[in-house]
Amino acid sequence: MLKGITFAYPYMFLLLLVIPFLLFWYYYSLKKKQNKVSFSTFRVLEGRRRGLRERLTDVPVFLRLLSVILLIVALARPQSFNSGENVYTEGVDIALVLDVSTSMLAEDFKPNRLEAAKKITGEFISNRVTDRIGLVIFSRDAFTQCPLTVDYNVLQNLLLDVKSGVIEDGTAIGNAIANGINRLKDSKSKSKVMILLTDGVSNAGEIDPLTGAEIAKHYGIRIYTIGVGTTGEAPYPVPTPFGVQYQMVPVQIDENVLKTIASETGAKYFRATGNRKLEQIYNEIDKLEKSRIEVTSYRTKKEHFIPWLLAGLFVFMLELSLSYGYLRRLP
């Protein structure tokens, strides 16, 4: 009954301390007022049963005490509150474009470039609010793993399913950009962003990366580019009849092209040489492309003292009617 109820004047409950004194006063004064009548014998009263009025003689005092309790609750002013917030947002549409060529299995990142990118990309997704995010994977060609969505659980699960080898090997950066553009070009969002992560040089596809950048610029799409890979050489796992062997392979990233793509579209180029650096890059992009959110909080109040007041008055009137009526005490 009182769930979710607060009291504007809780100190009013201190008045309940008078209840024991009222009970004491009632029984003390009743005993003092009892009239003494002398009888020569009590035989005439033997076997006599108490009538209904006699059994209910104390009801009025308990009704009066109940009415006092109810009125004290009403004086404490019970009330409840409903709160919430109106959220206004300018969402960002983001296409995550991830290289899944076999070179992404190099282990200069832990456990390798692809798994590190998946983990940190997943954390980036978890930090977004109200934005639509899609996922494109590419090697020799590009494929939409997940269209733009706000269902981040589905997106995270599809990201976990990403692995190297599902598309023929190669690095088609231009095709990847084109696929990302197709996901974003019809967006009505005020901010359209592509995050392109690769570890190689464009060597496949029908579309030149710089041409793709020009098209992205036409549609107002910013492309943040990330080159992943340590400097020099990186350990690459090679399966052999005797188990997995490692050989050192040169790290080749076309940084000039990635820098041009980013600057042409009004974004930035980043170089990640390890897990920690890649995490810092995603954190920086996250801050640069945060949605503008305005929150208006509201709190509505509802008063609940009237039912308690009416119940107290009703019980008080009932007590008066019984005290001066059916249960009236005679001198």
Protein backbone atom coordinates (compact mmCIF):
# COMPACT_ATOMS: atom_id res chain seq x y z
CA MET A 1 0.00 0.00 0.00
CA LEU A 2 2.89 2.34 0.81
CA LYS A 3 5.22 1.04 -1.92
CA GLY A 4 6.87 3.94 -3.70
CA ILE A 5 5.37 6.41 -1.21
CA THR A 6 7.38 9.17 0.44
CA PHE A 7 6.22 11.66 3.08
CA ALA A 8 6.58 15.43 2.82
CA TYR A 9 6.39 15.85 6.62
CA PRO A 10 7.65 12.59 8.16
CA TYR A 11 8.18 14.26 11.54
CA MET A 12 4.38 14.20 11.95
CA PHE A 13 4.70 10.52 12.85
CA LEU A 14 6.08 11.67 16.21
CA LEU A 15 2.44 12.36 17.11
CA LEU A 16 1.90 8.59 17.21
CA LEU A 17 3.75 8.62 20.53
CA VAL A 18 0.59 10.01 22.16
CA ILE A 19 -1.39 6.83 21.38
CA PRO A 20 -0.16 4.84 24.44
CA PHE A 21 -0.93 7.84 26.67
CA LEU A 22 -4.45 8.07 25.27
CA LEU A 23 -5.02 4.39 25.99
CA PHE A 24 -3.73 4.81 29.53
CA TRP A 25 -5.91 7.87 30.07
CA TYR A 26 -8.98 6.07 28.76
CA TYR A 27 -8.72 3.07 31.06
CA TYR A 28 -7.68 5.18 34.06
CA SER A 29 -10.58 7.61 33.67
CA LEU A 30 -13.03 4.75 32.98
CA LYS A 31 -12.07 3.00 36.19
CA LYS A 32 -12.32 6.24 38.13
CA LYS A 33 -15.78 7.02 36.78
CA GLN A 34 -17.28 3.61 37.46
CA ASN A 35 -20.34 3.98 39.71
CA LYS A 36 -20.49 1.74 42.69
CA VAL A 37 -23.90 0.24 43.50
CA SER A 38 -24.46 -1.89 46.61
CA PHE A 39 -26.33 -5.16 46.21
CA SER A 40 -27.47 -7.38 49.02
CA THR A 41 -26.83 -10.40 46.86
CA PHE A 42 -25.42 -11.24 43.38
CA ARG A 43 -27.59 -14.30 42.93
CA VAL A 44 -29.85 -12.43 40.51
CA LEU A 45 -26.83 -11.92 38.19
CA GLU A 46 -25.67 -15.53 38.25
CA GLY A 47 -25.76 -17.12 34.79
CA ARG A 48 -26.42 -13.81 33.07
CA ARG A 49 -24.61 -13.41 29.71
CA ARG A 50 -23.08 -10.14 28.56
CA GLY A 51 -25.12 -8.47 25.86
CA LEU A 52 -23.77 -7.27 22.52
CA ARG A 53 -23.60 -3.67 23.67
CA GLU A 54 -21.53 -4.69 26.68
CA ARG A 55 -19.08 -6.68 24.53
CA LEU A 56 -18.68 -3.70 22.15
CA THR A 57 -18.33 -1.10 24.87
CA ASP A 58 -14.64 -0.42 24.07
CA VAL A 59 -15.12 -0.20 20.30
CA PRO A 60 -15.57 3.62 20.20
CA VAL A 61 -12.23 4.29 21.87
CA PHE A 62 -10.39 2.05 19.41
CA LEU A 63 -12.21 3.71 16.53
CA ARG A 64 -11.13 7.11 17.84
CA LEU A 65 -7.51 5.96 18.11
CA LEU A 66 -7.69 4.57 14.57
CA SER A 67 -9.04 7.88 13.28
CA VAL A 68 -6.18 9.70 15.00
CA ILE A 69 -3.63 7.38 13.34
CA LEU A 70 -5.20 7.88 9.90
CA LEU A 71 -5.25 11.67 10.34
CA ILE A 72 -1.60 11.66 11.41
CA VAL A 73 -0.68 9.76 8.22
CA ALA A 74 -2.63 12.35 6.23
CA LEU A 75 -0.76 15.16 8.02
CA ALA A 76 2.55 13.49 7.07
CA ARG A 77 1.41 14.09 3.45
CA PRO A 78 2.12 10.85 1.57
CA GLN A 79 3.10 11.39 -2.06
CA SER A 80 4.74 9.56 -4.95
CA PHE A 81 6.93 10.72 -7.81
CA ASN A 82 7.29 9.68 -11.43
CA SER A 83 10.55 10.67 -13.08
CA GLY A 84 12.03 10.30 -16.53
CA GLU A 85 13.91 12.14 -19.21
CA ASN A 86 13.40 13.36 -22.73
CA VAL A 87 16.41 12.64 -24.92
CA TYR A 88 17.14 14.64 -28.04
CA THR A 89 19.98 13.34 -30.20
CA GLU A 90 21.72 13.95 -33.47
CA GLY A 91 22.79 10.39 -34.22
CA VAL A 92 25.97 9.45 -36.06
CA ASP A 93 25.86 6.77 -38.76
CA ILE A 94 29.08 4.75 -38.72
CA ALA A 95 30.36 2.12 -41.14
CA LEU A 96 33.15 -0.01 -39.68
CA VAL A 97 35.29 -1.32 -42.54
CA LEU A 98 37.60 -4.13 -41.44
CA ASP A 99 40.40 -5.82 -43.38
CA VAL A 100 40.22 -9.64 -43.07
CA SER A 101 43.04 -10.57 -45.47
CA THR A 102 45.42 -13.31 -44.31
CA SER A 103 48.08 -10.75 -43.39
CA MET A 104 45.77 -9.74 -40.51
CA LEU A 105 46.82 -13.01 -38.83
CA ALA A 106 50.28 -11.61 -38.12
CA GLU A 107 51.04 -11.73 -34.41
CA ASP A 108 52.66 -8.37 -33.77
CA PHE A 109 49.32 -7.70 -32.00
CA LYS A 110 48.02 -10.11 -29.35
CA PRO A 111 46.74 -12.66 -30.16
CA ASN A 112 46.90 -11.35 -33.75
CA ARG A 113 45.92 -8.22 -35.68
CA LEU A 114 42.44 -9.42 -36.59
CA GLU A 115 41.43 -10.62 -33.12
CA ALA A 116 42.83 -7.48 -31.52
CA ALA A 117 40.91 -5.32 -33.99
CA LYS A 118 37.70 -7.27 -33.32
CA LYS A 119 38.06 -6.91 -29.55
CA ILE A 120 38.78 -3.18 -29.59
CA THR A 121 36.11 -2.53 -32.24
CA GLY A 122 33.62 -4.33 -30.00
CA GLU A 123 34.54 -2.02 -27.13
CA PHE A 124 34.06 0.97 -29.41
CA ILE A 125 30.56 -0.27 -30.30
CA SER A 126 29.72 -0.71 -26.60
CA ASN A 127 30.53 2.95 -25.94
CA ARG A 128 28.12 4.28 -28.57
CA VAL A 129 24.60 5.47 -27.77
CA THR A 130 21.71 5.86 -30.29
CA ASP A 131 24.09 5.71 -33.29
CA ARG A 132 23.46 3.39 -36.23
CA ILE A 133 26.51 1.23 -36.90
CA GLY A 134 27.22 -1.17 -39.76
CA LEU A 135 30.08 -3.58 -40.48
CA VAL A 136 31.88 -4.18 -43.78
CA ILE A 137 34.68 -6.75 -44.19
CA PHE A 138 37.06 -6.95 -47.11
CA SER A 139 40.08 -8.63 -48.63
CA ARG A 140 40.09 -9.13 -52.44
CA ASP A 141 36.48 -7.90 -52.42
CA ALA A 142 34.16 -6.28 -49.89
CA PHE A 143 31.15 -7.77 -48.15
CA THR A 144 28.52 -6.26 -45.83
CA GLN A 145 28.63 -8.28 -42.63
CA CYS A 146 25.93 -6.14 -40.96
CA PRO A 147 23.89 -3.21 -42.35
CA LEU A 148 23.40 -0.06 -40.27
CA THR A 149 21.63 -0.96 -37.06
CA VAL A 150 21.05 0.14 -33.48
CA ASP A 151 20.79 -3.48 -32.35
CA TYR A 152 24.28 -3.63 -30.91
CA ASN A 153 23.87 -7.19 -29.63
CA VAL A 154 23.32 -8.48 -33.17
CA LEU A 155 26.22 -6.37 -34.43
CA GLN A 156 28.56 -7.66 -31.71
CA ASN A 157 27.65 -11.26 -32.50
CA LEU A 158 28.29 -10.74 -36.21
CA LEU A 159 31.61 -9.10 -35.37
CA LEU A 160 32.60 -12.17 -33.34
CA ASP A 161 31.87 -14.35 -36.39
CA VAL A 162 34.35 -12.41 -38.55
CA LYS A 163 37.41 -14.45 -39.56
CA SER A 164 40.08 -14.46 -42.21
CA GLY A 165 39.64 -16.69 -45.25
CA VAL A 166 35.92 -16.15 -45.88
CA ILE A 167 36.79 -13.96 -48.88
CA GLU A 168 39.54 -14.59 -51.43
CA ASP A 169 42.81 -13.11 -50.26
CA GLY A 170 43.93 -9.64 -51.32
CA THR A 171 43.47 -6.01 -50.26
CA ALA A 172 40.76 -4.10 -52.15
CA ILE A 173 40.65 -0.82 -50.24
CA GLY A 174 38.73 0.98 -53.03
CA ASN A 175 36.00 -1.68 -53.08
CA ALA A 176 35.79 -1.54 -49.30
CA ILE A 177 35.26 2.23 -49.38
CA ALA A 178 32.60 1.84 -52.10
CA ASN A 179 30.73 -0.73 -50.02
CA GLY A 180 30.84 1.57 -46.99
CA ILE A 181 29.56 4.45 -49.14
CA ASN A 182 26.60 2.32 -50.22
CA ARG A 183 25.74 1.79 -46.56
CA LEU A 184 25.91 5.52 -45.75
CA LYS A 185 25.02 7.55 -48.85
CA ASP A 186 21.25 7.47 -48.32
CA SER A 187 21.52 8.23 -44.62
CA LYS A 188 19.56 11.24 -43.32
CA SER A 189 21.96 11.60 -40.39
CA LYS A 190 23.81 14.88 -40.00
CA SER A 191 27.06 12.99 -39.44
CA LYS A 192 28.26 10.08 -41.60
CA VAL A 193 31.50 8.35 -40.70
CA MET A 194 33.56 5.45 -42.00
CA ILE A 195 36.36 3.83 -40.00
CA LEU A 196 38.68 1.92 -42.34
CA LEU A 197 41.18 -0.45 -40.74
CA THR A 198 43.80 -2.22 -42.89
CA ASP A 199 47.34 -3.55 -42.67
CA GLY A 200 48.34 -3.55 -46.31
CA VAL A 201 48.61 -1.94 -49.70
CA SER A 202 45.66 -1.87 -52.09
CA ASN A 203 46.35 -4.58 -54.68
CA ALA A 204 42.90 -5.69 -55.82
CA GLY A 205 39.43 -4.44 -56.71
CA GLU A 206 37.90 -2.41 -59.48
CA ILE A 207 37.83 0.93 -57.69
CA ASP A 208 40.85 3.07 -56.90
CA PRO A 209 41.01 4.05 -53.19
CA LEU A 210 41.43 7.77 -53.96
CA THR A 211 38.45 7.65 -56.33
CA GLY A 212 36.47 6.11 -53.51
CA ALA A 213 37.58 8.95 -51.24
CA GLU A 214 36.31 11.54 -53.74
CA ILE A 215 32.93 9.82 -53.90
CA ALA A 216 32.77 9.68 -50.10
CA LYS A 217 33.52 13.39 -49.93
CA HIS A 218 30.66 14.05 -52.37
CA TYR A 219 28.24 12.31 -49.97
CA GLY A 220 29.64 14.10 -46.91
CA ILE A 221 31.24 10.97 -45.48
CA ARG A 222 34.34 11.30 -43.32
CA ILE A 223 36.78 8.37 -43.52
CA TYR A 224 39.04 7.77 -40.54
CA THR A 225 41.83 5.45 -41.69
CA ILE A 226 43.87 3.19 -39.41
CA GLY A 227 47.02 1.42 -40.51
CA VAL A 228 47.80 -1.57 -38.26
CA GLY A 229 51.17 -3.23 -37.98
CA THR A 230 54.46 -2.80 -36.18
CA THR A 231 57.45 -1.17 -37.84
CA GLY A 232 59.85 -3.43 -39.73
CA GLU A 233 58.82 -7.10 -39.64
CA ALA A 234 56.10 -9.07 -37.90
CA PRO A 235 55.84 -12.77 -36.98
CA TYR A 236 53.43 -14.61 -39.27
CA PRO A 237 52.18 -18.17 -38.54
CA VAL A 238 52.74 -20.69 -41.34
CA PRO A 239 51.16 -24.18 -41.09
CA THR A 240 53.61 -27.00 -41.86
CA PRO A 241 53.52 -30.81 -41.54
CA PHE A 242 55.43 -30.33 -38.31
CA GLY A 243 53.00 -27.81 -36.84
CA VAL A 244 52.79 -24.04 -36.99
CA GLN A 245 56.08 -22.33 -37.80
CA TYR A 246 56.68 -18.60 -37.67
CA GLN A 247 58.43 -16.50 -40.25
CA MET A 248 59.14 -12.81 -40.18
CA VAL A 249 57.34 -10.87 -42.92
CA PRO A 250 57.78 -7.19 -43.79
CA VAL A 251 55.06 -4.77 -42.70
CA GLN A 252 53.83 -2.87 -45.74
CA ILE A 253 51.19 -0.19 -45.22
CA ASP A 254 50.47 2.42 -47.87
CA GLU A 255 50.36 5.28 -45.40
CA ASN A 256 50.42 7.96 -48.11
CA VAL A 257 47.17 6.66 -49.62
CA LEU A 258 45.52 6.27 -46.19
CA LYS A 259 46.56 9.78 -45.19
CA THR A 260 45.19 11.19 -48.45
CA ILE A 261 41.87 9.37 -48.03
CA ALA A 262 41.48 10.79 -44.52
CA SER A 263 42.47 14.37 -45.36
CA GLU A 264 40.37 14.40 -48.54
CA THR A 265 37.24 13.55 -46.53
CA GLY A 266 37.98 15.81 -43.55
CA ALA A 267 39.05 13.08 -41.14
CA LYS A 268 42.34 11.78 -39.70
CA TYR A 269 44.84 9.00 -40.30
CA PHE A 270 46.16 6.89 -37.40
CA ARG A 271 48.97 4.36 -37.15
CA ALA A 272 48.55 1.52 -34.66
CA THR A 273 51.66 -0.46 -33.75
CA GLY A 274 50.15 -2.48 -30.91
CA ASN A 275 47.00 -3.29 -28.96
CA ARG A 276 47.31 -0.33 -26.61
CA LYS A 277 47.86 2.13 -29.44
CA LEU A 278 44.88 0.76 -31.37
CA GLU A 279 42.70 1.14 -28.27
CA GLN A 280 43.81 4.76 -27.88
CA ILE A 281 42.96 5.45 -31.54
CA TYR A 282 39.42 4.11 -31.17
CA ASN A 283 38.99 6.15 -27.98
CA GLU A 284 40.04 9.30 -29.84
CA ILE A 285 37.64 8.62 -32.71
CA ASP A 286 34.92 7.89 -30.16
CA LYS A 287 35.41 11.35 -28.63
CA LEU A 288 35.60 13.08 -32.02
CA GLU A 289 32.36 11.53 -33.24
CA LYS A 290 30.13 11.59 -30.18
CA SER A 291 26.42 12.25 -30.72
CA ARG A 292 25.04 15.52 -29.38
CA ILE A 293 22.61 14.50 -26.68
CA GLU A 294 20.43 16.88 -24.68
CA VAL A 295 18.64 15.41 -21.68
CA THR A 296 15.65 17.09 -20.07
CA SER A 297 14.72 15.47 -16.78
CA TYR A 298 11.22 15.70 -15.37
CA ARG A 299 9.62 14.70 -12.09
CA THR A 300 5.87 14.63 -11.51
CA LYS A 301 4.35 14.52 -8.03
CA LYS A 302 1.12 12.82 -6.98
CA GLU A 303 -0.48 13.49 -3.59
CA HIS A 304 -1.98 10.59 -1.62
CA PHE A 305 -3.10 12.26 1.64
CA ILE A 306 -6.78 12.71 0.64
CA PRO A 307 -7.77 8.99 0.96
CA TRP A 308 -6.12 8.90 4.42
CA LEU A 309 -7.89 12.10 5.44
CA LEU A 310 -11.28 10.86 4.27
CA ALA A 311 -10.74 7.48 5.96
CA GLY A 312 -9.80 9.23 9.22
CA LEU A 313 -12.87 11.48 9.10
CA PHE A 314 -15.12 8.53 8.27
CA VAL A 315 -13.82 6.49 11.22
CA PHE A 316 -14.18 9.53 13.51
CA MET A 317 -17.81 10.07 12.44
CA LEU A 318 -18.51 6.36 12.92
CA GLU A 319 -17.07 6.56 16.42
CA LEU A 320 -19.25 9.59 17.27
CA SER A 321 -22.39 7.93 15.96
CA LEU A 322 -21.73 4.80 18.03
CA SER A 323 -20.67 6.74 21.14
CA TYR A 324 -23.87 8.85 21.13
CA GLY A 325 -26.08 6.18 19.73
CA TYR A 326 -26.08 2.40 20.05
CA LEU A 327 -23.04 2.25 22.34
CA ARG A 328 -23.85 5.31 24.42
CA ARG A 329 -22.72 5.04 28.02
CA LEU A 330 -25.31 5.82 30.65
CA PRO A 331 -24.32 7.39 34.00
